[in-house]
């Protein structure tokens, strides 16, 4: 499944401590993050 505004950059930016880091690190814009944040599941092992 793909999400609007998300590509290979999100994979290259790993690891993340929380899903909000994708906007904090500039991987996606705040507007894109607001649109997709409910579709993202972040789990740490």
PDB file of N, CA and C in Angstrom:
ATOM      1  N   UNK A   1       0.841  -1.173   0.000  1.00  0.00           N
ATOM      2  CA  UNK A   1       0.000   0.000   0.000  1.00  0.00           C
ATOM      3  C   UNK A   1       0.893   1.245   0.000  1.00  0.00           C
ATOM      4  N   UNK A   2       0.499   2.236  -0.732  1.00  0.00           N
ATOM      5  CA  UNK A   2       1.267   3.471  -0.771  1.00  0.00           C
ATOM      6  C   UNK A   2       0.463   4.604  -0.150  1.00  0.00           C
ATOM      7  N   UNK A   3       1.176   5.551   0.389  1.00  0.00           N
ATOM      8  CA  UNK A   3       0.558   6.724   0.984  1.00  0.00           C
ATOM      9  C   UNK A   3       0.989   7.956   0.220  1.00  0.00           C
ATOM     10  N   UNK A   4       0.075   8.896   0.046  1.00  0.00           N
ATOM     11  CA  UNK A   4       0.346  10.140  -0.658  1.00  0.00           C
ATOM     12  C   UNK A   4       1.546  10.859  -0.029  1.00  0.00           C
ATOM     13  N   UNK A   5       2.512  11.211  -0.849  1.00  0.00           N
ATOM     14  CA  UNK A   5       3.653  11.982  -0.379  1.00  0.00           C
ATOM     15  C   UNK A   5       4.768  11.174   0.254  1.00  0.00           C
ATOM     16  N   UNK A   6       4.621   9.851   0.290  1.00  0.00           N
ATOM     17  CA  UNK A   6       5.611   9.011   0.955  1.00  0.00           C
ATOM     18  C   UNK A   6       6.296   8.124  -0.080  1.00  0.00           C
ATOM     19  N   UNK A   7       7.602   8.101  -0.042  1.00  0.00           N
ATOM     20  CA  UNK A   7       8.359   7.290  -0.980  1.00  0.00           C
ATOM     21  C   UNK A   7       9.547   6.655  -0.298  1.00  0.00           C
ATOM     22  N   UNK A   8      10.606   6.465  -1.048  1.00  0.00           N
ATOM     23  CA  UNK A   8      11.811   5.818  -0.538  1.00  0.00           C
ATOM     24  C   UNK A   8      12.469   6.604   0.592  1.00  0.00           C
ATOM     25  N   UNK A   9      12.239   7.898   0.650  1.00  0.00           N
ATOM     26  CA  UNK A   9      12.877   8.726   1.684  1.00  0.00           C
ATOM     27  C   UNK A   9      12.470   8.286   3.083  1.00  0.00           C
ATOM     28  N   UNK A  10      11.263   7.818   3.233  1.00  0.00           N
ATOM     29  CA  UNK A  10      10.810   7.382   4.559  1.00  0.00           C
ATOM     30  C   UNK A  10      11.559   6.124   4.994  1.00  0.00           C
ATOM     31  N   UNK A  11      11.890   5.280   4.061  1.00  0.00           N
ATOM     32  CA  UNK A  11      12.639   4.058   4.364  1.00  0.00           C
ATOM     33  C   UNK A  11      14.081   4.418   4.710  1.00  0.00           C
ATOM     34  N   UNK A  12      14.666   5.313   3.934  1.00  0.00           N
ATOM     35  CA  UNK A  12      16.059   5.704   4.157  1.00  0.00           C
ATOM     36  C   UNK A  12      16.256   6.464   5.462  1.00  0.00           C
ATOM     37  N   UNK A  13      15.196   7.095   5.986  1.00  0.00           N
ATOM     38  CA  UNK A  13      15.310   7.883   7.203  1.00  0.00           C
ATOM     39  C   UNK A  13      15.184   7.090   8.485  1.00  0.00           C
ATOM     40  N   UNK A  14      14.978   5.781   8.375  1.00  0.00           N
ATOM     41  CA  UNK A  14      14.801   4.948   9.567  1.00  0.00           C
ATOM     42  C   UNK A  14      16.069   4.885  10.385  1.00  0.00           C
ATOM     43  N   UNK A  15      16.028   4.592  11.633  1.00  0.00           N
ATOM     44  CA  UNK A  15      14.860   4.281  12.463  1.00  0.00           C
ATOM     45  C   UNK A  15      14.203   5.557  12.992  1.00  0.00           C
ATOM     46  N   UNK A  16      12.960   5.424  13.363  1.00  0.00           N
ATOM     47  CA  UNK A  16      12.185   6.511  13.953  1.00  0.00           C
ATOM     48  C   UNK A  16      11.764   6.107  15.354  1.00  0.00           C
ATOM     49  N   UNK A  17      11.736   7.063  16.253  1.00  0.00           N
ATOM     50  CA  UNK A  17      11.266   6.795  17.614  1.00  0.00           C
ATOM     51  C   UNK A  17       9.758   6.914  17.690  1.00  0.00           C
ATOM     52  N   UNK A  18       9.177   7.687  16.806  1.00  0.00           N
ATOM     53  CA  UNK A  18       7.730   7.860  16.749  1.00  0.00           C
ATOM     54  C   UNK A  18       7.336   8.242  15.339  1.00  0.00           C
ATOM     55  N   UNK A  19       6.090   8.000  15.006  1.00  0.00           N
ATOM     56  CA  UNK A  19       5.665   8.251  13.637  1.00  0.00           C
ATOM     57  C   UNK A  19       5.693   9.733  13.274  1.00  0.00           C
ATOM     58  N   UNK A  20       5.621  10.615  14.263  1.00  0.00           N
ATOM     59  CA  UNK A  20       5.662  12.046  13.975  1.00  0.00           C
ATOM     60  C   UNK A  20       7.043  12.521  13.525  1.00  0.00           C
ATOM     61  N   UNK A  21       8.048  11.695  13.706  1.00  0.00           N
ATOM     62  CA  UNK A  21       9.400  12.070  13.280  1.00  0.00           C
ATOM     63  C   UNK A  21       9.523  12.219  11.772  1.00  0.00           C
ATOM     64  N   UNK A  22       8.634  11.603  11.005  1.00  0.00           N
ATOM     65  CA  UNK A  22       8.746  11.759   9.550  1.00  0.00           C
ATOM     66  C   UNK A  22       8.495  13.197   9.126  1.00  0.00           C
ATOM     67  N   UNK A  23       7.695  13.929   9.886  1.00  0.00           N
ATOM     68  CA  UNK A  23       7.533  15.351   9.572  1.00  0.00           C
ATOM     69  C   UNK A  23       8.608  16.184  10.265  1.00  0.00           C
ATOM     70  N   UNK A  24       9.012  15.796  11.468  1.00  0.00           N
ATOM     71  CA  UNK A  24      10.047  16.542  12.183  1.00  0.00           C
ATOM     72  C   UNK A  24      11.374  16.505  11.441  1.00  0.00           C
ATOM     73  N   UNK A  25      11.672  15.376  10.803  1.00  0.00           N
ATOM     74  CA  UNK A  25      12.931  15.243  10.049  1.00  0.00           C
ATOM     75  C   UNK A  25      12.820  15.798   8.636  1.00  0.00           C
ATOM     76  N   UNK A  26      11.638  16.286   8.254  1.00  0.00           N
ATOM     77  CA  UNK A  26      11.467  16.862   6.928  1.00  0.00           C
ATOM     78  C   UNK A  26      11.268  15.840   5.827  1.00  0.00           C
ATOM     79  N   UNK A  27      10.942  14.600   6.197  1.00  0.00           N
ATOM     80  CA  UNK A  27      10.706  13.560   5.192  1.00  0.00           C
ATOM     81  C   UNK A  27       9.424  13.878   4.421  1.00  0.00           C
ATOM     82  N   UNK A  28       8.390  14.294   5.135  1.00  0.00           N
ATOM     83  CA  UNK A  28       7.147  14.765   4.526  1.00  0.00           C
ATOM     84  C   UNK A  28       6.796  16.106   5.156  1.00  0.00           C
ATOM     85  N   UNK A  29       5.988  16.876   4.460  1.00  0.00           N
ATOM     86  CA  UNK A  29       5.568  18.171   5.006  1.00  0.00           C
ATOM     87  C   UNK A  29       4.551  17.951   6.124  1.00  0.00           C
ATOM     88  N   UNK A  30       4.345  18.983   6.922  1.00  0.00           N
ATOM     89  CA  UNK A  30       3.358  18.893   7.997  1.00  0.00           C
ATOM     90  C   UNK A  30       1.966  18.632   7.445  1.00  0.00           C
ATOM     91  N   UNK A  31       1.658  19.220   6.301  1.00  0.00           N
ATOM     92  CA  UNK A  31       0.342  19.020   5.687  1.00  0.00           C
ATOM     93  C   UNK A  31       0.147  17.574   5.253  1.00  0.00           C
ATOM     94  N   UNK A  32       1.162  16.982   4.651  1.00  0.00           N
ATOM     95  CA  UNK A  32       1.076  15.573   4.231  1.00  0.00           C
ATOM     96  C   UNK A  32       0.966  14.681   5.459  1.00  0.00           C
ATOM     97  N   UNK A  33       1.760  14.957   6.474  1.00  0.00           N
ATOM     98  CA  UNK A  33       1.702  14.158   7.699  1.00  0.00           C
ATOM     99  C   UNK A  33       0.312  14.211   8.318  1.00  0.00           C
ATOM    100  N   UNK A  34      -0.283  15.395   8.377  1.00  0.00           N
ATOM    101  CA  UNK A  34      -1.633  15.528   8.948  1.00  0.00           C
ATOM    102  C   UNK A  34      -2.637  14.690   8.173  1.00  0.00           C
ATOM    103  N   UNK A  35      -2.424  14.565   6.868  1.00  0.00           N
ATOM    104  CA  UNK A  35      -3.327  13.793   6.016  1.00  0.00           C
ATOM    105  C   UNK A  35      -3.158  12.284   6.190  1.00  0.00           C
ATOM    106  N   UNK A  36      -1.933  11.825   6.480  1.00  0.00           N
ATOM    107  CA  UNK A  36      -1.671  10.374   6.514  1.00  0.00           C
ATOM    108  C   UNK A  36      -1.439   9.796   7.901  1.00  0.00           C
ATOM    109  N   UNK A  37      -1.351  10.627   8.939  1.00  0.00           N
ATOM    110  CA  UNK A  37      -0.943  10.143  10.263  1.00  0.00           C
ATOM    111  C   UNK A  37      -1.849   9.044  10.819  1.00  0.00           C
ATOM    112  N   UNK A  38      -3.119   9.070  10.502  1.00  0.00           N
ATOM    113  CA  UNK A  38      -4.032   8.039  10.993  1.00  0.00           C
ATOM    114  C   UNK A  38      -3.890   6.713  10.242  1.00  0.00           C
ATOM    115  N   UNK A  39      -3.147   6.720   9.156  1.00  0.00           N
ATOM    116  CA  UNK A  39      -2.942   5.517   8.354  1.00  0.00           C
ATOM    117  C   UNK A  39      -1.609   4.849   8.658  1.00  0.00           C
ATOM    118  N   UNK A  40      -0.827   5.441   9.557  1.00  0.00           N
ATOM    119  CA  UNK A  40       0.504   4.940   9.887  1.00  0.00           C
ATOM    120  C   UNK A  40       0.461   4.221  11.234  1.00  0.00           C
ATOM    121  N   UNK A  41       1.050   3.052  11.287  1.00  0.00           N
ATOM    122  CA  UNK A  41       1.191   2.310  12.535  1.00  0.00           C
ATOM    123  C   UNK A  41       2.677   2.198  12.817  1.00  0.00           C
ATOM    124  N   UNK A  42       3.068   2.627  13.999  1.00  0.00           N
ATOM    125  CA  UNK A  42       4.480   2.568  14.373  1.00  0.00           C
ATOM    126  C   UNK A  42       4.625   1.679  15.599  1.00  0.00           C
ATOM    127  N   UNK A  43       5.458   0.664  15.481  1.00  0.00           N
ATOM    128  CA  UNK A  43       5.719  -0.246  16.584  1.00  0.00           C
ATOM    129  C   UNK A  43       7.215  -0.433  16.722  1.00  0.00           C
ATOM    130  N   UNK A  44       7.674  -0.483  17.946  1.00  0.00           N
ATOM    131  CA  UNK A  44       9.086  -0.787  18.185  1.00  0.00           C
ATOM    132  C   UNK A  44       9.186  -2.122  18.876  1.00  0.00           C
ATOM    133  N   UNK A  45      10.258  -2.828  18.558  1.00  0.00           N
ATOM    134  CA  UNK A  45      10.477  -4.136  19.162  1.00  0.00           C
ATOM    135  C   UNK A  45      11.364  -4.013  20.351  1.00  0.00           C
TER     136      UNK A  45
END
